[in-house]
Structure formats: structure tokens, C-alpha cells
PDB file of N, CA and C in Angstrom:
ATOM      1  N   MET A   1      15.731   7.698  14.397  1.00  0.00           N
ATOM      2  CA  MET A   1      15.965   7.133  13.032  1.00  0.00           C
ATOM      3  C   MET A   1      16.514   8.359  12.061  1.00  0.00           C
ATOM      4  N   PRO A   2      17.761   8.539  12.081  1.00  0.00           N
ATOM      5  CA  PRO A   2      18.484   9.905  11.393  1.00  0.00           C
ATOM      6  C   PRO A   2      17.777   9.951   9.995  1.00  0.00           C
ATOM      7  N   SER A   3      18.235   9.101   9.386  1.00  0.00           N
ATOM      8  CA  SER A   3      17.830   9.177   7.682  1.00  0.00           C
ATOM      9  C   SER A   3      17.204   7.828   7.400  1.00  0.00           C
ATOM     10  N   PRO A   4      15.663   7.954   7.272  1.00  0.00           N
ATOM     11  CA  PRO A   4      14.922   6.939   6.762  1.00  0.00           C
ATOM     12  C   PRO A   4      15.011   6.989   5.611  1.00  0.00           C
ATOM     13  N   GLY A   5      15.043   7.991   4.921  1.00  0.00           N
ATOM     14  CA  GLY A   5      15.043   8.061   3.352  1.00  0.00           C
ATOM     15  C   GLY A   5      16.126   7.091   2.702  1.00  0.00           C
ATOM     16  N   VAL A   6      17.658   6.943   3.619  1.00  0.00           N
ATOM     17  CA  VAL A   6      18.345   6.135   2.853  1.00  0.00           C
ATOM     18  C   VAL A   6      17.927   4.518   3.034  1.00  0.00           C
ATOM     19  N   LEU A   7      17.153   4.236   4.327  1.00  0.00           N
ATOM     20  CA  LEU A   7      16.805   2.853   4.558  1.00  0.00           C
ATOM     21  C   LEU A   7      15.659   2.739   3.388  1.00  0.00           C
ATOM     22  N   ILE A   8      14.799   3.316   3.118  1.00  0.00           N
ATOM     23  CA  ILE A   8      13.645   3.378   2.325  1.00  0.00           C
ATOM     24  C   ILE A   8      14.447   2.672   1.076  1.00  0.00           C
ATOM     25  N   PHE A   9      15.178   3.705   0.406  1.00  0.00           N
ATOM     26  CA  PHE A   9      15.813   3.732  -0.777  1.00  0.00           C
ATOM     27  C   PHE A   9      16.709   2.183  -0.680  1.00  0.00           C
ATOM     28  N   LEU A  10      17.305   1.655   0.105  1.00  0.00           N
ATOM     29  CA  LEU A  10      17.836   0.534   0.162  1.00  0.00           C
ATOM     30  C   LEU A  10      16.866  -0.659   0.257  1.00  0.00           C
ATOM     31  N   ALA A  11      15.894  -0.305   0.754  1.00  0.00           N
ATOM     32  CA  ALA A  11      14.829  -1.501   0.708  1.00  0.00           C
ATOM     33  C   ALA A  11      14.180  -1.694  -0.682  1.00  0.00           C
ATOM     34  N   VAL A  12      13.857  -0.601  -1.311  1.00  0.00           N
ATOM     35  CA  VAL A  12      13.318  -0.624  -2.313  1.00  0.00           C
ATOM     36  C   VAL A  12      14.521  -1.138  -3.433  1.00  0.00           C
ATOM     37  N   LEU A  13      15.815  -0.700  -3.655  1.00  0.00           N
ATOM     38  CA  LEU A  13      16.518  -1.141  -4.300  1.00  0.00           C
ATOM     39  C   LEU A  13      16.848  -2.709  -4.041  1.00  0.00           C
ATOM     40  N   GLY A  14      17.000  -3.039  -2.816  1.00  0.00           N
ATOM     41  CA  GLY A  14      16.901  -4.773  -2.469  1.00  0.00           C
ATOM     42  C   GLY A  14      15.541  -5.373  -3.141  1.00  0.00           C
ATOM     43  N   ALA A  15      14.466  -4.896  -3.118  1.00  0.00           N
ATOM     44  CA  ALA A  15      13.325  -5.559  -3.560  1.00  0.00           C
ATOM     45  C   ALA A  15      13.608  -5.430  -5.309  1.00  0.00           C
ATOM     46  N   PHE A  16      14.238  -4.326  -5.711  1.00  0.00           N
ATOM     47  CA  PHE A  16      14.280  -4.418  -7.314  1.00  0.00           C
ATOM     48  C   PHE A  16      15.151  -5.587  -7.747  1.00  0.00           C
ATOM     49  N   LEU A  17      16.238  -5.589  -7.003  1.00  0.00           N
ATOM     50  CA  LEU A  17      17.437  -6.699  -7.241  1.00  0.00           C
ATOM     51  C   LEU A  17      16.782  -8.194  -6.944  1.00  0.00           C
ATOM     52  N   CYS A  18      15.978  -8.206  -5.978  1.00  0.00           N
ATOM     53  CA  CYS A  18      15.445  -9.638  -5.846  1.00  0.00           C
ATOM     54  C   CYS A  18      14.558  -9.942  -6.797  1.00  0.00           C
ATOM     55  N   ALA A  19      13.710  -9.177  -7.343  1.00  0.00           N
ATOM     56  CA  ALA A  19      12.857  -9.211  -8.167  1.00  0.00           C
ATOM     57  C   ALA A  19      13.438  -9.761  -9.619  1.00  0.00           C
ATOM     58  N   ARG A  20      14.557  -8.918  -9.860  1.00  0.00           N
ATOM     59  CA  ARG A  20      15.302  -9.098 -11.123  1.00  0.00           C
ATOM     60  C   ARG A  20      16.019 -10.719 -10.958  1.00  0.00           C
ATOM     61  N   ALA A  21      16.193 -11.126  -9.749  1.00  0.00           N
ATOM     62  CA  ALA A  21      16.982 -12.353  -9.656  1.00  0.00           C
ATOM     63  C   ALA A  21      15.863 -13.356  -9.570  1.00  0.00           C
ATOM     64  N   ARG A  22      14.671 -13.066  -9.628  1.00  0.00           N
ATOM     65  CA  ARG A  22      13.352 -13.787  -9.606  1.00  0.00           C
ATOM     66  C   ARG A  22      13.421 -14.716  -8.095  1.00  0.00           C
ATOM     67  N   LEU A  23      13.606 -13.659  -7.073  1.00  0.00           N
ATOM     68  CA  LEU A  23      13.423 -14.119  -5.637  1.00  0.00           C
ATOM     69  C   LEU A  23      12.217 -13.359  -5.225  1.00  0.00           C
ATOM     70  N   ALA A  24      10.921 -14.059  -5.360  1.00  0.00           N
ATOM     71  CA  ALA A  24       9.841 -13.306  -5.173  1.00  0.00           C
ATOM     72  C   ALA A  24       9.662 -13.268  -3.494  1.00  0.00           C
ATOM     73  N   GLY A  25       9.874 -14.124  -2.865  1.00  0.00           N
ATOM     74  CA  GLY A  25       9.727 -13.916  -1.182  1.00  0.00           C
ATOM     75  C   GLY A  25      10.574 -12.945  -0.790  1.00  0.00           C
ATOM     76  N   ALA A  26      11.790 -12.793  -1.362  1.00  0.00           N
ATOM     77  CA  ALA A  26      12.611 -11.712  -0.763  1.00  0.00           C
ATOM     78  C   ALA A  26      12.260 -10.318  -1.173  1.00  0.00           C
ATOM     79  N   ALA A  27      11.611 -10.440  -2.526  1.00  0.00           N
ATOM     80  CA  ALA A  27      11.277  -8.895  -3.027  1.00  0.00           C
ATOM     81  C   ALA A  27      10.100  -8.676  -2.110  1.00  0.00           C
ATOM     82  N   ILE A  28       9.121  -9.349  -1.748  1.00  0.00           N
ATOM     83  CA  ILE A  28       8.142  -9.177  -1.187  1.00  0.00           C
ATOM     84  C   ILE A  28       8.439  -8.532   0.274  1.00  0.00           C
ATOM     85  N   ALA A  29       9.687  -9.201   0.846  1.00  0.00           N
ATOM     86  CA  ALA A  29      10.014  -8.714   2.128  1.00  0.00           C
ATOM     87  C   ALA A  29      10.689  -7.577   2.029  1.00  0.00           C
ATOM     88  N   PHE A  30      11.479  -7.290   1.282  1.00  0.00           N
ATOM     89  CA  PHE A  30      11.919  -5.903   1.036  1.00  0.00           C
ATOM     90  C   PHE A  30      11.051  -4.800   0.660  1.00  0.00           C
ATOM     91  N   SER A  31      10.041  -5.080   0.122  1.00  0.00           N
ATOM     92  CA  SER A  31       9.009  -4.101  -0.143  1.00  0.00           C
ATOM     93  C   SER A  31       8.247  -3.936   1.203  1.00  0.00           C
ATOM     94  N   LEU A  32       7.710  -4.985   2.003  1.00  0.00           N
ATOM     95  CA  LEU A  32       7.084  -4.660   3.276  1.00  0.00           C
ATOM     96  C   LEU A  32       8.105  -3.749   3.895  1.00  0.00           C
ATOM     97  N   ILE A  33       9.450  -4.235   4.327  1.00  0.00           N
ATOM     98  CA  ILE A  33      10.173  -3.490   5.035  1.00  0.00           C
ATOM     99  C   ILE A  33      10.249  -1.761   4.417  1.00  0.00           C
ATOM    100  N   ALA A  34      10.313  -1.729   3.269  1.00  0.00           N
ATOM    101  CA  ALA A  34      10.040  -0.268   2.804  1.00  0.00           C
ATOM    102  C   ALA A  34       8.731   0.425   3.087  1.00  0.00           C
ATOM    103  N   PHE A  35       7.931  -0.379   3.127  1.00  0.00           N
ATOM    104  CA  PHE A  35       6.492   0.362   3.300  1.00  0.00           C
ATOM    105  C   PHE A  35       6.370   0.825   4.750  1.00  0.00           C
ATOM    106  N   LEU A  36       6.879  -0.370   5.563  1.00  0.00           N
ATOM    107  CA  LEU A  36       7.048  -0.231   7.331  1.00  0.00           C
ATOM    108  C   LEU A  36       7.685   1.269   7.553  1.00  0.00           C
ATOM    109  N   VAL A  37       8.992   1.281   6.736  1.00  0.00           N
ATOM    110  CA  VAL A  37       9.770   2.463   7.313  1.00  0.00           C
ATOM    111  C   VAL A  37       9.202   3.833   6.692  1.00  0.00           C
ATOM    112  N   LEU A  38       8.488   3.619   5.713  1.00  0.00           N
ATOM    113  CA  LEU A  38       7.648   4.590   5.293  1.00  0.00           C
ATOM    114  C   LEU A  38       6.465   5.089   6.190  1.00  0.00           C
ATOM    115  N   VAL A  39       5.868   4.155   6.597  1.00  0.00           N
ATOM    116  CA  VAL A  39       4.758   4.441   7.307  1.00  0.00           C
ATOM    117  C   VAL A  39       5.241   5.110   8.913  1.00  0.00           C
ATOM    118  N   ALA A  40       6.303   4.648   9.236  1.00  0.00           N
ATOM    119  CA  ALA A  40       6.986   5.179  10.589  1.00  0.00           C
ATOM    120  C   ALA A  40       7.530   6.904  10.315  1.00  0.00           C
ATOM    121  N   THR A  41       7.802   6.975   9.165  1.00  0.00           N
ATOM    122  CA  THR A  41       8.095   8.514   9.068  1.00  0.00           C
ATOM    123  C   THR A  41       6.966   9.574   9.062  1.00  0.00           C
ATOM    124  N   PRO A  42       7.145  10.765   9.773  1.00  0.00           N
ATOM    125  CA  PRO A  42       6.252  11.650   9.701  1.00  0.00           C
ATOM    126  C   PRO A  42       5.404  11.735   8.488  1.00  0.00           C
ATOM    127  N   LEU A  43       5.965  11.878   7.553  1.00  0.00           N
ATOM    128  CA  LEU A  43       5.194  11.927   6.153  1.00  0.00           C
ATOM    129  C   LEU A  43       4.540  10.908   5.748  1.00  0.00           C
ATOM    130  N   GLY A  44       4.901   9.784   6.026  1.00  0.00           N
ATOM    131  CA  GLY A  44       4.137   8.480   5.911  1.00  0.00           C
ATOM    132  C   GLY A  44       3.093   8.151   6.905  1.00  0.00           C
ATOM    133  N   GLN A  45       2.905   8.944   7.873  1.00  0.00           N
ATOM    134  CA  GLN A  45       1.652   8.576   9.013  1.00  0.00           C
ATOM    135  C   GLN A  45       0.237   8.704   8.197  1.00  0.00           C
ATOM    136  N   ALA A  46       0.197   9.452   7.383  1.00  0.00           N
ATOM    137  CA  ALA A  46      -1.158   9.673   6.691  1.00  0.00           C
ATOM    138  C   ALA A  46      -1.459   8.829   5.903  1.00  0.00           C
ATOM    139  N   ILE A  47      -0.651   7.786   5.567  1.00  0.00           N
ATOM    140  CA  ILE A  47      -1.072   6.826   4.369  1.00  0.00           C
ATOM    141  C   ILE A  47      -2.225   5.899   4.919  1.00  0.00           C
ATOM    142  N   PRO A  48      -1.953   5.222   6.279  1.00  0.00           N
ATOM    143  CA  PRO A  48      -3.113   4.485   6.590  1.00  0.00           C
ATOM    144  C   PRO A  48      -4.476   5.158   6.818  1.00  0.00           C
ATOM    145  N   ASP A  49      -4.578   6.461   7.209  1.00  0.00           N
ATOM    146  CA  ASP A  49      -5.479   7.349   7.184  1.00  0.00           C
ATOM    147  C   ASP A  49      -6.404   7.371   5.646  1.00  0.00           C
ATOM    148  N   ALA A  50      -5.221   7.835   4.812  1.00  0.00           N
ATOM    149  CA  ALA A  50      -5.973   7.948   3.395  1.00  0.00           C
ATOM    150  C   ALA A  50      -6.274   6.739   2.788  1.00  0.00           C
ATOM    151  N   ALA A  51      -5.851   5.603   2.945  1.00  0.00           N
ATOM    152  CA  ALA A  51      -6.213   4.303   2.554  1.00  0.00           C
ATOM    153  C   ALA A  51      -7.636   3.981   3.087  1.00  0.00           C
ATOM    154  N   ALA A  52      -7.859   4.030   4.444  1.00  0.00           N
ATOM    155  CA  ALA A  52      -9.102   3.985   5.161  1.00  0.00           C
ATOM    156  C   ALA A  52     -10.363   5.067   4.219  1.00  0.00           C
ATOM    157  N   THR A  53      -9.939   6.002   4.345  1.00  0.00           N
ATOM    158  CA  THR A  53     -10.559   7.174   3.509  1.00  0.00           C
ATOM    159  C   THR A  53     -11.231   6.878   2.099  1.00  0.00           C
ATOM    160  N   PHE A  54     -10.028   6.300   1.286  1.00  0.00           N
ATOM    161  CA  PHE A  54     -10.382   5.929   0.269  1.00  0.00           C
ATOM    162  C   PHE A  54     -11.274   4.619   0.114  1.00  0.00           C
ATOM    163  N   PHE A  55     -11.220   3.644   0.639  1.00  0.00           N
ATOM    164  CA  PHE A  55     -11.875   2.411   0.843  1.00  0.00           C
ATOM    165  C   PHE A  55     -13.172   2.766   1.328  1.00  0.00           C
ATOM    166  N   SER A  56     -13.452   3.712   2.382  1.00  0.00           N
ATOM    167  CA  SER A  56     -14.623   3.960   2.661  1.00  0.00           C
ATOM    168  C   SER A  56     -15.584   4.697   1.668  1.00  0.00           C
ATOM    169  N   THR A  57     -14.876   5.742   0.733  1.00  0.00           N
ATOM    170  CA  THR A  57     -15.632   6.266   0.088  1.00  0.00           C
ATOM    171  C   THR A  57     -15.763   5.297  -1.371  1.00  0.00           C
ATOM    172  N   LEU A  58     -15.015   4.443  -1.447  1.00  0.00           N
ATOM    173  CA  LEU A  58     -15.244   3.187  -2.386  1.00  0.00           C
ATOM    174  C   LEU A  58     -16.317   2.231  -2.101  1.00  0.00           C
ATOM    175  N   ASP A  59     -16.404   1.961  -0.640  1.00  0.00           N
ATOM    176  CA  ASP A  59     -17.742   1.198  -0.282  1.00  0.00           C
ATOM    177  C   ASP A  59     -18.915   2.070  -0.193  1.00  0.00           C
ATOM    178  N   GLY A  60     -18.798   3.147   0.060  1.00  0.00           N
ATOM    179  CA  GLY A  60     -20.097   4.040   0.190  1.00  0.00           C
ATOM    180  C   GLY A  60     -20.519   4.160  -1.501  1.00  0.00           C
ATOM    181  N   ALA A  61     -19.701   4.116  -2.336  1.00  0.00           N
ATOM    182  CA  ALA A  61     -19.829   4.484  -3.749  1.00  0.00           C
ATOM    183  C   ALA A  61     -20.665   3.047  -4.377  1.00  0.00           C
ATOM    184  N   SER A  62     -20.290   1.743  -4.123  1.00  0.00           N
ATOM    185  CA  SER A  62     -20.333   0.746  -4.712  1.00  0.00           C
ATOM    186  C   SER A  62     -21.668  -0.177  -4.118  1.00  0.00           C
ATOM    187  N   THR A  63     -21.987   0.348  -2.498  1.00  0.00           N
ATOM    188  CA  THR A  63     -23.014  -0.323  -1.846  1.00  0.00           C
ATOM    189  C   THR A  63     -24.326  -0.250  -2.368  1.00  0.00           C
ATOM    190  N   PRO A  64     -24.751   0.892  -2.768  1.00  0.00           N
ATOM    191  CA  PRO A  64     -26.190   1.038  -3.278  1.00  0.00           C
ATOM    192  C   PRO A  64     -26.150   0.194  -4.669  1.00  0.00           C
ATOM    193  N   VAL A  65     -25.081   0.431  -5.399  1.00  0.00           N
ATOM    194  CA  VAL A  65     -25.326  -0.265  -6.781  1.00  0.00           C
ATOM    195  C   VAL A  65     -25.334  -1.977  -6.691  1.00  0.00           C
ATOM    196  N   LEU A  66     -24.600  -2.525  -5.740  1.00  0.00           N
ATOM    197  CA  LEU A  66     -24.298  -3.794  -5.455  1.00  0.00           C
ATOM    198  C   LEU A  66     -25.741  -4.234  -4.676  1.00  0.00           C
ATOM    199  N   ASN A  67     -26.455  -3.565  -4.031  1.00  0.00           N
ATOM    200  CA  ASN A  67     -27.402  -4.008  -3.504  1.00  0.00           C
ATOM    201  C   ASN A  67     -28.900  -3.625  -3.850  1.00  0.00           C
ATOM    202  N   GLN A  68     -28.767  -3.561  -5.579  1.00  0.00           N
ATOM    203  CA  GLN A  68     -30.040  -3.518  -6.284  1.00  0.00           C
ATOM    204  C   GLN A  68     -30.494  -4.797  -6.340  1.00  0.00           C
ATOM    205  N   PRO A  69     -31.978  -5.095  -6.282  1.00  0.00           N
ATOM    206  CA  PRO A  69     -32.282  -6.532  -6.530  1.00  0.00           C
ATOM    207  C   PRO A  69     -32.723  -6.611  -7.944  1.00  0.00           C
ATOM    208  N   GLY A  70     -32.091  -7.728  -8.563  1.00  0.00           N
ATOM    209  CA  GLY A  70     -32.193  -8.329  -9.812  1.00  0.00           C
ATOM    210  C   GLY A  70     -32.020  -7.270 -11.043  1.00  0.00           C
ATOM    211  N   GLY A  71     -30.847  -6.740 -10.909  1.00  0.00           N
ATOM    212  CA  GLY A  71     -30.075  -5.683 -11.851  1.00  0.00           C
ATOM    213  C   GLY A  71     -31.128  -4.567 -12.132  1.00  0.00           C
ATOM    214  N   GLU A  72     -32.030  -4.260 -11.189  1.00  0.00           N
ATOM    215  CA  GLU A  72     -32.838  -3.006 -11.805  1.00  0.00           C
ATOM    216  C   GLU A  72     -31.935  -1.827 -12.011  1.00  0.00           C
ATOM    217  N   GLN A  73     -32.528  -1.056 -13.070  1.00  0.00           N
ATOM    218  CA  GLN A  73     -32.151   0.342 -13.162  1.00  0.00           C
ATOM    219  C   GLN A  73     -32.576   1.334 -12.180  1.00  0.00           C
ATOM    220  N   PRO A  74     -31.759   2.309 -11.542  1.00  0.00           N
ATOM    221  CA  PRO A  74     -32.290   3.377 -10.668  1.00  0.00           C
ATOM    222  C   PRO A  74     -33.191   4.192 -11.512  1.00  0.00           C
TER     223      PRO A  74
END
């Protein structure tokens, strides 16, 4: 893939144009294509790990609060 930046730009542009024309399904499809091409690039390969770390941290912070019985204060 010699120039993924051009493909990402065209997919984002296509999503924008479809959203302006109120074609939600096509806009979602173009957005998914742009995201998948981004993740396929070396720069975007860290995105899944970053998302996993974010959700793990969020889960670790919210679990103790959600498991308190009866709304007790710590």
C-alpha cells in the first residue's frame, strides 16, 4: 500500500459527502473503511492496544464504585 494517506483522505471525504447527502449507511461504510485502512498502517497499529488500555483503566476505576452495596460512601 504505497499511499494509505490518500486512501484515508478519500474515505473520510466520501463519508462526509454521504453524511451531507443524508446517506447514513454509506457514511458509516466509508468511515469503517477509513478506520480499517488507518489501523493497517504502521502508525495506526497502536490504536487497538491504546483502546484496550483505555477500557481496562476505565473498568478498573469504575468497578469498585459500582460494586459498593446500597450506595455506601467509602
